[in-house]
N, C-alpha and C. Protein backbone atom coordinates (compact mmCIF):
# COMPACT_ATOMS: atom_id res chain seq x y z
N UNK A 1 -45.37 66.50 42.17
CA UNK A 1 -46.27 67.61 41.96
C UNK A 1 -46.80 67.53 40.53
N UNK A 2 -48.10 67.66 40.41
CA UNK A 2 -48.71 67.61 39.08
C UNK A 2 -48.53 68.95 38.37
N UNK A 3 -48.79 68.95 37.07
CA UNK A 3 -48.70 70.19 36.29
C UNK A 3 -49.69 71.23 36.83
N UNK A 4 -50.91 70.79 37.17
CA UNK A 4 -51.92 71.72 37.70
C UNK A 4 -51.48 72.33 39.03
N UNK A 5 -50.85 71.52 39.89
CA UNK A 5 -50.37 72.04 41.17
C UNK A 5 -49.25 73.05 40.95
N UNK A 6 -48.35 72.74 40.04
CA UNK A 6 -47.25 73.66 39.74
C UNK A 6 -47.78 74.97 39.17
N UNK A 7 -48.78 74.88 38.29
CA UNK A 7 -49.36 76.10 37.70
C UNK A 7 -50.08 76.91 38.77
N UNK A 8 -50.82 76.27 39.66
CA UNK A 8 -51.50 76.98 40.73
C UNK A 8 -50.50 77.65 41.66
N UNK A 9 -49.39 76.96 41.93
CA UNK A 9 -48.36 77.53 42.79
C UNK A 9 -47.73 78.76 42.14
N UNK A 10 -47.43 78.69 40.84
CA UNK A 10 -46.83 79.82 40.13
C UNK A 10 -47.79 80.99 40.08
N UNK A 11 -49.07 80.72 39.90
CA UNK A 11 -50.05 81.81 39.84
C UNK A 11 -50.19 82.49 41.20
N UNK A 12 -50.06 81.74 42.27
CA UNK A 12 -50.22 82.32 43.60
C UNK A 12 -49.04 83.20 43.99
N UNK A 13 -47.94 83.14 43.24
CA UNK A 13 -46.78 83.97 43.50
C UNK A 13 -46.90 85.34 42.86
N UNK A 14 -48.02 85.63 42.23
CA UNK A 14 -48.22 86.91 41.56
C UNK A 14 -49.43 87.62 42.17
N UNK A 15 -49.39 88.92 42.17
CA UNK A 15 -50.47 89.73 42.72
C UNK A 15 -51.08 90.55 41.59
N UNK A 16 -52.39 90.55 41.52
CA UNK A 16 -53.12 91.43 40.61
C UNK A 16 -53.67 92.55 41.47
N UNK A 17 -53.11 93.72 41.34
CA UNK A 17 -53.50 94.86 42.16
C UNK A 17 -54.53 95.69 41.40
N UNK A 18 -55.72 95.80 41.99
CA UNK A 18 -56.83 96.55 41.40
C UNK A 18 -57.13 97.78 42.24
N UNK A 19 -57.59 98.84 41.57
CA UNK A 19 -58.08 100.03 42.26
C UNK A 19 -59.22 100.58 41.43
N UNK A 20 -60.39 100.65 42.05
CA UNK A 20 -61.61 101.12 41.38
C UNK A 20 -61.84 100.37 40.07
N UNK A 21 -61.72 99.05 40.14
CA UNK A 21 -61.97 98.12 39.04
C UNK A 21 -61.00 98.28 37.87
N UNK A 22 -59.85 98.89 38.12
CA UNK A 22 -58.82 99.05 37.09
C UNK A 22 -57.54 98.38 37.56
N UNK A 23 -56.93 97.59 36.68
CA UNK A 23 -55.67 96.93 37.00
C UNK A 23 -54.59 97.99 37.14
N UNK A 24 -53.93 97.97 38.28
CA UNK A 24 -52.83 98.90 38.54
C UNK A 24 -51.49 98.25 38.21
N UNK A 25 -51.35 96.96 38.60
CA UNK A 25 -50.11 96.25 38.32
C UNK A 25 -50.32 94.77 38.55
N UNK A 26 -49.65 93.97 37.76
CA UNK A 26 -49.62 92.52 37.93
C UNK A 26 -48.16 92.14 38.06
N UNK A 27 -47.83 91.47 39.15
CA UNK A 27 -46.44 91.06 39.34
C UNK A 27 -46.24 90.33 40.63
N UNK A 28 -45.00 89.98 40.88
CA UNK A 28 -44.65 89.33 42.14
C UNK A 28 -44.66 90.38 43.25
N UNK A 29 -44.74 89.94 44.49
CA UNK A 29 -44.67 90.91 45.59
C UNK A 29 -43.39 91.76 45.50
N UNK A 30 -42.28 91.16 45.14
CA UNK A 30 -41.01 91.89 45.01
C UNK A 30 -41.12 92.96 43.91
N UNK A 31 -41.72 92.62 42.77
CA UNK A 31 -41.88 93.60 41.68
C UNK A 31 -42.75 94.77 42.11
N UNK A 32 -43.85 94.49 42.81
CA UNK A 32 -44.72 95.57 43.28
C UNK A 32 -43.99 96.46 44.28
N UNK A 33 -43.16 95.87 45.12
CA UNK A 33 -42.45 96.63 46.13
C UNK A 33 -41.28 97.42 45.53
N UNK A 34 -40.46 96.76 44.72
CA UNK A 34 -39.23 97.39 44.21
C UNK A 34 -39.43 98.20 42.94
N UNK A 35 -40.37 97.84 42.09
CA UNK A 35 -40.60 98.53 40.82
C UNK A 35 -42.09 98.78 40.60
N UNK A 36 -42.70 99.55 41.48
CA UNK A 36 -44.13 99.84 41.29
C UNK A 36 -44.35 100.67 40.02
N UNK A 37 -45.47 100.43 39.36
CA UNK A 37 -45.75 101.11 38.10
C UNK A 37 -46.44 102.46 38.29
N UNK A 38 -46.99 102.71 39.46
CA UNK A 38 -47.64 104.00 39.72
C UNK A 38 -47.66 104.25 41.23
N UNK A 39 -48.12 105.44 41.61
CA UNK A 39 -48.12 105.80 43.03
C UNK A 39 -49.04 104.92 43.85
N UNK A 40 -50.17 104.51 43.31
CA UNK A 40 -51.07 103.64 44.06
C UNK A 40 -50.38 102.32 44.40
N UNK A 41 -49.72 101.72 43.41
CA UNK A 41 -49.01 100.45 43.65
C UNK A 41 -47.87 100.65 44.65
N UNK A 42 -47.15 101.76 44.53
CA UNK A 42 -46.03 102.04 45.44
C UNK A 42 -46.51 102.18 46.87
N UNK A 43 -47.64 102.83 47.06
CA UNK A 43 -48.17 103.08 48.39
C UNK A 43 -48.87 101.85 48.98
N UNK A 44 -49.23 100.90 48.13
CA UNK A 44 -50.00 99.74 48.57
C UNK A 44 -49.18 98.81 49.46
N UNK A 45 -47.91 98.61 49.11
CA UNK A 45 -47.07 97.67 49.86
C UNK A 45 -45.93 98.44 50.52
N UNK A 46 -45.87 98.41 51.83
CA UNK A 46 -44.75 99.00 52.56
C UNK A 46 -44.80 100.51 52.68
N UNK A 47 -43.81 101.05 53.36
CA UNK A 47 -43.68 102.49 53.55
C UNK A 47 -42.95 103.12 52.39
N UNK A 48 -43.36 104.33 52.02
CA UNK A 48 -42.68 105.03 50.93
C UNK A 48 -42.86 106.53 51.13
N UNK A 49 -41.87 107.30 50.71
CA UNK A 49 -41.92 108.75 50.75
C UNK A 49 -42.23 109.26 49.34
N UNK A 50 -43.12 110.22 49.23
CA UNK A 50 -43.42 110.88 47.96
C UNK A 50 -43.03 112.35 48.10
N UNK A 51 -42.12 112.82 47.24
CA UNK A 51 -41.64 114.20 47.29
C UNK A 51 -41.73 114.82 45.89
N UNK A 52 -42.12 116.08 45.82
CA UNK A 52 -42.25 116.75 44.53
C UNK A 52 -40.87 117.24 44.05
N UNK A 53 -40.59 116.96 42.77
CA UNK A 53 -39.32 117.38 42.17
C UNK A 53 -39.58 118.12 40.85
N UNK A 54 -38.58 118.86 40.45
CA UNK A 54 -38.54 119.44 39.11
C UNK A 54 -37.28 118.92 38.45
N UNK A 55 -37.39 118.52 37.18
CA UNK A 55 -36.25 118.01 36.43
C UNK A 55 -35.55 119.17 35.73
N UNK A 56 -34.23 119.16 35.78
CA UNK A 56 -33.45 120.21 35.12
C UNK A 56 -32.27 119.56 34.41
N UNK A 57 -31.74 120.24 33.41
CA UNK A 57 -30.54 119.73 32.75
C UNK A 57 -29.34 120.46 33.34
N UNK A 58 -28.27 119.73 33.45
CA UNK A 58 -27.04 120.28 33.99
C UNK A 58 -25.91 119.55 33.27
N UNK A 59 -25.18 120.27 32.45
CA UNK A 59 -24.17 119.60 31.64
C UNK A 59 -24.85 118.63 30.70
N UNK A 60 -24.37 117.39 30.70
CA UNK A 60 -24.95 116.35 29.84
C UNK A 60 -26.05 115.56 30.54
N UNK A 61 -26.28 115.82 31.83
CA UNK A 61 -27.17 114.96 32.59
C UNK A 61 -28.53 115.55 32.91
N UNK A 62 -29.39 114.69 33.39
CA UNK A 62 -30.70 115.08 33.87
C UNK A 62 -30.65 115.08 35.39
N UNK A 63 -30.99 116.18 36.00
CA UNK A 63 -30.92 116.35 37.44
C UNK A 63 -32.31 116.66 37.98
N UNK A 64 -32.44 116.53 39.29
CA UNK A 64 -33.70 116.86 39.96
C UNK A 64 -33.41 117.80 41.12
N UNK A 65 -34.41 118.59 41.46
CA UNK A 65 -34.33 119.39 42.67
C UNK A 65 -35.70 119.29 43.34
N UNK A 66 -35.67 119.23 44.68
CA UNK A 66 -36.92 119.14 45.42
C UNK A 66 -37.60 120.50 45.44
N UNK A 67 -38.89 120.53 45.15
CA UNK A 67 -39.63 121.79 45.07
C UNK A 67 -39.93 122.39 46.42
N UNK A 68 -40.20 121.57 47.42
CA UNK A 68 -40.61 122.09 48.73
C UNK A 68 -39.55 121.90 49.80
N UNK A 69 -38.30 121.78 49.40
CA UNK A 69 -37.22 121.60 50.36
C UNK A 69 -36.44 122.91 50.52
N UNK A 70 -35.88 123.10 51.70
CA UNK A 70 -35.01 124.26 51.91
C UNK A 70 -33.75 124.13 51.06
N UNK A 71 -33.24 122.92 50.92
CA UNK A 71 -32.06 122.66 50.10
C UNK A 71 -32.56 122.22 48.72
N UNK A 72 -32.48 123.12 47.75
CA UNK A 72 -32.94 122.76 46.41
C UNK A 72 -31.77 122.51 45.46
N UNK A 73 -30.66 122.05 46.04
CA UNK A 73 -29.48 121.72 45.24
C UNK A 73 -29.84 120.59 44.26
N UNK A 74 -29.57 120.79 42.98
CA UNK A 74 -29.85 119.72 42.01
C UNK A 74 -28.96 118.51 42.25
N UNK A 75 -29.53 117.33 42.08
CA UNK A 75 -28.75 116.10 42.20
C UNK A 75 -29.00 115.21 40.99
N UNK A 76 -27.96 114.51 40.57
CA UNK A 76 -28.04 113.61 39.42
C UNK A 76 -28.95 112.46 39.77
N UNK A 77 -29.98 112.25 38.96
CA UNK A 77 -30.94 111.21 39.31
C UNK A 77 -30.62 109.84 38.73
N UNK A 78 -29.66 109.76 37.79
CA UNK A 78 -29.30 108.45 37.22
C UNK A 78 -30.54 107.64 36.86
N UNK A 79 -31.50 108.30 36.29
CA UNK A 79 -32.79 107.68 35.97
C UNK A 79 -33.15 108.20 34.60
N UNK A 80 -33.15 107.35 33.61
CA UNK A 80 -33.21 107.86 32.24
C UNK A 80 -34.38 107.36 31.37
N UNK A 81 -35.57 107.25 31.88
CA UNK A 81 -36.66 106.91 30.96
C UNK A 81 -36.80 107.98 29.88
N UNK A 82 -37.13 107.57 28.69
CA UNK A 82 -37.24 108.47 27.54
C UNK A 82 -38.22 109.61 27.77
N UNK A 83 -39.27 109.38 28.54
CA UNK A 83 -40.33 110.37 28.70
C UNK A 83 -39.97 111.50 29.66
N UNK A 84 -38.81 111.46 30.29
CA UNK A 84 -38.41 112.52 31.21
C UNK A 84 -37.56 113.56 30.49
N UNK A 85 -37.86 114.83 30.76
CA UNK A 85 -37.07 115.90 30.17
C UNK A 85 -37.07 117.10 31.10
N UNK A 86 -36.09 117.99 30.92
CA UNK A 86 -36.00 119.17 31.78
C UNK A 86 -37.28 120.00 31.77
N UNK A 87 -37.58 120.58 32.93
CA UNK A 87 -38.77 121.42 33.08
C UNK A 87 -39.98 120.67 33.62
N UNK A 88 -39.96 119.36 33.57
CA UNK A 88 -41.09 118.57 34.08
C UNK A 88 -41.10 118.56 35.60
N UNK A 89 -42.28 118.55 36.16
CA UNK A 89 -42.44 118.34 37.60
C UNK A 89 -43.00 116.95 37.78
N UNK A 90 -42.39 116.20 38.68
CA UNK A 90 -42.77 114.81 38.90
C UNK A 90 -42.76 114.50 40.39
N UNK A 91 -43.07 113.24 40.71
CA UNK A 91 -43.05 112.76 42.09
C UNK A 91 -41.90 111.78 42.23
N UNK A 92 -41.04 112.05 43.20
CA UNK A 92 -39.88 111.23 43.53
C UNK A 92 -40.32 110.31 44.66
N UNK A 93 -40.29 109.00 44.44
CA UNK A 93 -40.75 108.03 45.43
C UNK A 93 -39.56 107.20 45.89
N UNK A 94 -39.33 107.21 47.22
CA UNK A 94 -38.18 106.49 47.77
C UNK A 94 -38.60 105.80 49.07
N UNK A 95 -38.23 104.56 49.21
CA UNK A 95 -38.52 103.79 50.42
C UNK A 95 -37.57 104.22 51.53
N UNK A 96 -38.01 104.19 52.80
CA UNK A 96 -37.16 104.62 53.92
C UNK A 96 -35.82 103.90 54.00
N UNK A 97 -35.77 102.63 53.63
CA UNK A 97 -34.51 101.89 53.70
C UNK A 97 -33.57 102.24 52.54
N UNK A 98 -34.05 102.99 51.54
CA UNK A 98 -33.23 103.38 50.40
C UNK A 98 -32.71 104.82 50.51
N UNK A 99 -32.79 105.36 51.71
CA UNK A 99 -32.22 106.68 51.99
C UNK A 99 -31.14 106.46 53.04
N UNK A 100 -29.93 106.87 52.73
CA UNK A 100 -28.82 106.73 53.66
C UNK A 100 -28.50 108.08 54.28
N UNK A 101 -28.33 108.09 55.60
CA UNK A 101 -27.92 109.30 56.30
C UNK A 101 -26.40 109.39 56.24
N UNK A 102 -25.91 110.53 55.79
CA UNK A 102 -24.48 110.75 55.63
C UNK A 102 -24.15 112.16 56.11
N UNK A 103 -22.89 112.55 56.03
CA UNK A 103 -22.54 113.92 56.40
C UNK A 103 -23.19 114.87 55.38
N UNK A 104 -23.47 116.11 55.78
CA UNK A 104 -24.11 117.06 54.86
C UNK A 104 -23.36 117.22 53.53
N UNK A 105 -22.04 117.13 53.56
CA UNK A 105 -21.24 117.29 52.34
C UNK A 105 -21.39 116.11 51.38
N UNK A 106 -21.72 114.94 51.89
CA UNK A 106 -21.81 113.74 51.07
C UNK A 106 -23.20 113.50 50.48
N UNK A 107 -24.20 114.17 50.99
CA UNK A 107 -25.57 113.89 50.58
C UNK A 107 -25.99 114.55 49.29
N UNK A 108 -27.05 114.00 48.69
CA UNK A 108 -27.67 114.64 47.54
C UNK A 108 -28.33 115.95 47.97
N UNK A 109 -28.95 115.93 49.15
CA UNK A 109 -29.58 117.12 49.75
C UNK A 109 -29.34 117.05 51.26
N UNK A 110 -29.66 118.14 51.95
CA UNK A 110 -29.55 118.15 53.41
C UNK A 110 -30.92 118.35 54.04
N UNK A 111 -31.03 117.90 55.27
CA UNK A 111 -32.24 118.07 56.05
C UNK A 111 -31.87 118.09 57.51
N UNK A 112 -32.89 118.26 58.35
CA UNK A 112 -32.66 118.33 59.79
C UNK A 112 -33.46 117.24 60.49
N UNK A 113 -32.82 116.53 61.40
CA UNK A 113 -33.49 115.46 62.15
C UNK A 113 -34.57 116.08 63.05
N UNK A 114 -35.82 115.64 62.86
CA UNK A 114 -36.91 116.12 63.70
C UNK A 114 -37.25 115.11 64.79
N UNK A 115 -37.10 113.82 64.46
CA UNK A 115 -37.52 112.78 65.40
C UNK A 115 -36.74 111.51 65.09
N UNK A 116 -36.48 110.71 66.14
CA UNK A 116 -35.92 109.38 65.92
C UNK A 116 -36.53 108.44 66.95
N UNK A 117 -36.82 107.24 66.48
CA UNK A 117 -37.44 106.23 67.33
C UNK A 117 -36.62 104.94 67.20
N UNK A 118 -36.21 104.41 68.32
CA UNK A 118 -35.46 103.15 68.37
C UNK A 118 -36.43 102.00 68.17
N UNK A 119 -36.18 101.14 67.16
CA UNK A 119 -37.05 100.00 66.89
C UNK A 119 -36.27 98.68 66.92
N UNK A 120 -35.24 98.62 67.73
CA UNK A 120 -34.44 97.39 67.82
C UNK A 120 -33.32 97.41 66.82
N UNK A 121 -33.52 96.76 65.69
CA UNK A 121 -32.45 96.68 64.69
C UNK A 121 -32.32 97.94 63.83
N UNK A 122 -33.31 98.83 63.89
CA UNK A 122 -33.24 100.07 63.12
C UNK A 122 -33.67 101.26 63.97
N UNK A 123 -33.27 102.44 63.50
CA UNK A 123 -33.78 103.69 64.03
C UNK A 123 -34.66 104.29 62.94
N UNK A 124 -35.86 104.70 63.30
CA UNK A 124 -36.79 105.33 62.37
C UNK A 124 -36.64 106.84 62.54
N UNK A 125 -36.03 107.49 61.55
CA UNK A 125 -35.81 108.93 61.59
C UNK A 125 -36.87 109.66 60.77
N UNK A 126 -37.23 110.86 61.21
CA UNK A 126 -38.04 111.80 60.43
C UNK A 126 -37.14 112.99 60.17
N UNK A 127 -36.89 113.27 58.90
CA UNK A 127 -35.98 114.33 58.50
C UNK A 127 -36.80 115.42 57.79
N UNK A 128 -36.67 116.65 58.26
CA UNK A 128 -37.37 117.78 57.67
C UNK A 128 -36.53 118.34 56.53
N UNK A 129 -37.18 118.50 55.37
CA UNK A 129 -36.51 119.04 54.19
C UNK A 129 -37.06 120.42 53.82
N UNK A 130 -37.69 121.08 54.71
CA UNK A 130 -38.37 122.34 54.40
C UNK A 130 -39.84 122.15 54.71
N UNK A 131 -40.68 122.23 53.67
CA UNK A 131 -42.12 122.01 53.86
C UNK A 131 -42.46 120.52 53.88
N UNK A 132 -41.51 119.69 53.50
CA UNK A 132 -41.76 118.26 53.45
C UNK A 132 -40.89 117.54 54.48
N UNK A 133 -41.33 116.32 54.78
CA UNK A 133 -40.61 115.48 55.73
C UNK A 133 -40.41 114.12 55.08
N UNK A 134 -39.26 113.52 55.33
CA UNK A 134 -38.96 112.22 54.77
C UNK A 134 -38.67 111.24 55.90
N UNK A 135 -39.11 110.03 55.72
CA UNK A 135 -38.88 108.97 56.71
C UNK A 135 -37.68 108.15 56.26
N UNK A 136 -36.76 107.89 57.19
CA UNK A 136 -35.53 107.16 56.88
C UNK A 136 -35.33 106.06 57.92
N UNK A 137 -35.00 104.86 57.45
CA UNK A 137 -34.65 103.76 58.35
C UNK A 137 -33.15 103.58 58.30
N UNK A 138 -32.50 103.72 59.45
CA UNK A 138 -31.05 103.59 59.54
C UNK A 138 -30.71 102.50 60.55
N UNK A 139 -29.50 101.94 60.46
CA UNK A 139 -29.09 100.95 61.46
C UNK A 139 -29.17 101.55 62.87
N UNK A 140 -29.46 100.72 63.84
CA UNK A 140 -29.59 101.21 65.22
C UNK A 140 -28.29 101.76 65.76
N UNK A 141 -27.20 101.54 65.05
CA UNK A 141 -25.90 102.09 65.45
C UNK A 141 -25.71 103.53 64.97
N UNK A 142 -26.62 104.05 64.15
CA UNK A 142 -26.51 105.43 63.65
C UNK A 142 -26.53 106.40 64.83
N UNK A 143 -25.78 107.47 64.72
CA UNK A 143 -25.60 108.41 65.84
C UNK A 143 -26.01 109.83 65.45
N UNK A 144 -27.21 110.02 64.96
CA UNK A 144 -27.67 111.35 64.59
C UNK A 144 -28.66 111.83 65.65
N UNK A 145 -28.56 113.11 66.01
CA UNK A 145 -29.37 113.67 67.09
C UNK A 145 -30.46 114.59 66.56
N UNK A 146 -31.47 114.81 67.39
CA UNK A 146 -32.54 115.75 67.06
C UNK A 146 -31.92 117.12 66.75
N UNK A 147 -32.42 117.77 65.71
CA UNK A 147 -31.97 119.09 65.22
C UNK A 147 -30.63 119.06 64.50
N UNK A 148 -30.02 117.90 64.35
CA UNK A 148 -28.75 117.81 63.62
C UNK A 148 -29.01 117.89 62.12
N UNK A 149 -28.19 118.63 61.40
CA UNK A 149 -28.27 118.69 59.94
C UNK A 149 -27.53 117.47 59.38
N UNK A 150 -28.20 116.76 58.47
CA UNK A 150 -27.64 115.53 57.89
C UNK A 150 -27.76 115.58 56.37
N UNK A 151 -26.94 114.79 55.73
CA UNK A 151 -27.06 114.62 54.29
C UNK A 151 -27.90 113.39 54.01
N UNK A 152 -28.63 113.41 52.91
CA UNK A 152 -29.45 112.28 52.49
C UNK A 152 -28.94 111.80 51.13
N UNK A 153 -28.66 110.53 51.06
CA UNK A 153 -28.19 109.92 49.81
C UNK A 153 -29.22 108.87 49.40
N UNK A 154 -29.69 108.94 48.17
CA UNK A 154 -30.74 108.05 47.68
C UNK A 154 -30.13 106.91 46.88
N UNK A 155 -30.38 105.67 47.32
CA UNK A 155 -29.78 104.51 46.66
C UNK A 155 -30.69 103.86 45.64
N UNK A 156 -31.99 103.99 45.79
CA UNK A 156 -32.94 103.41 44.85
C UNK A 156 -34.25 104.19 44.98
N UNK A 157 -34.89 104.46 43.86
CA UNK A 157 -36.12 105.28 43.87
C UNK A 157 -36.84 105.09 42.55
N UNK A 158 -38.04 105.64 42.48
CA UNK A 158 -38.85 105.62 41.28
C UNK A 158 -39.39 107.04 41.08
N UNK A 159 -39.61 107.40 39.82
CA UNK A 159 -40.18 108.72 39.52
C UNK A 159 -41.51 108.51 38.82
N UNK A 160 -42.54 109.18 39.34
CA UNK A 160 -43.89 109.09 38.78
C UNK A 160 -44.35 110.43 38.25
N UNK A 161 -45.33 110.37 37.35
CA UNK A 161 -45.96 111.58 36.84
C UNK A 161 -46.73 112.31 37.89
């Protein structure tokens, strides 16, 4: 492989994401999917849930509570960018595969199963959190029923302005 071929190959592994003639993000497909820099980039590749949160302080930590959920129990966000502080309202972005269904006592928040669709290796759940709904992908072995109250545990997410 020549140097030019190697350089062309390396360049093709990166995506320049534009919106209205403005660069939104430059990175690998994995970077755009796992660490999007803004809501446009997050929504561009794959499925994602956007939920409104308010940041609050609790003890030594920074916590979040969902603004439009019936369960507004604060949960530790383990997300510490310098620009975040209590009182701010932000957007909590989480991919369906990064939400785990657990017992109500184990979850960061609770919701109610509205719908589930069998897709072979996964079940696609729609969980109502009050005025908002979140999409969750669980293993097809999951045993949650329509109208059942479940806990939601977030394993990876991003917070946007």
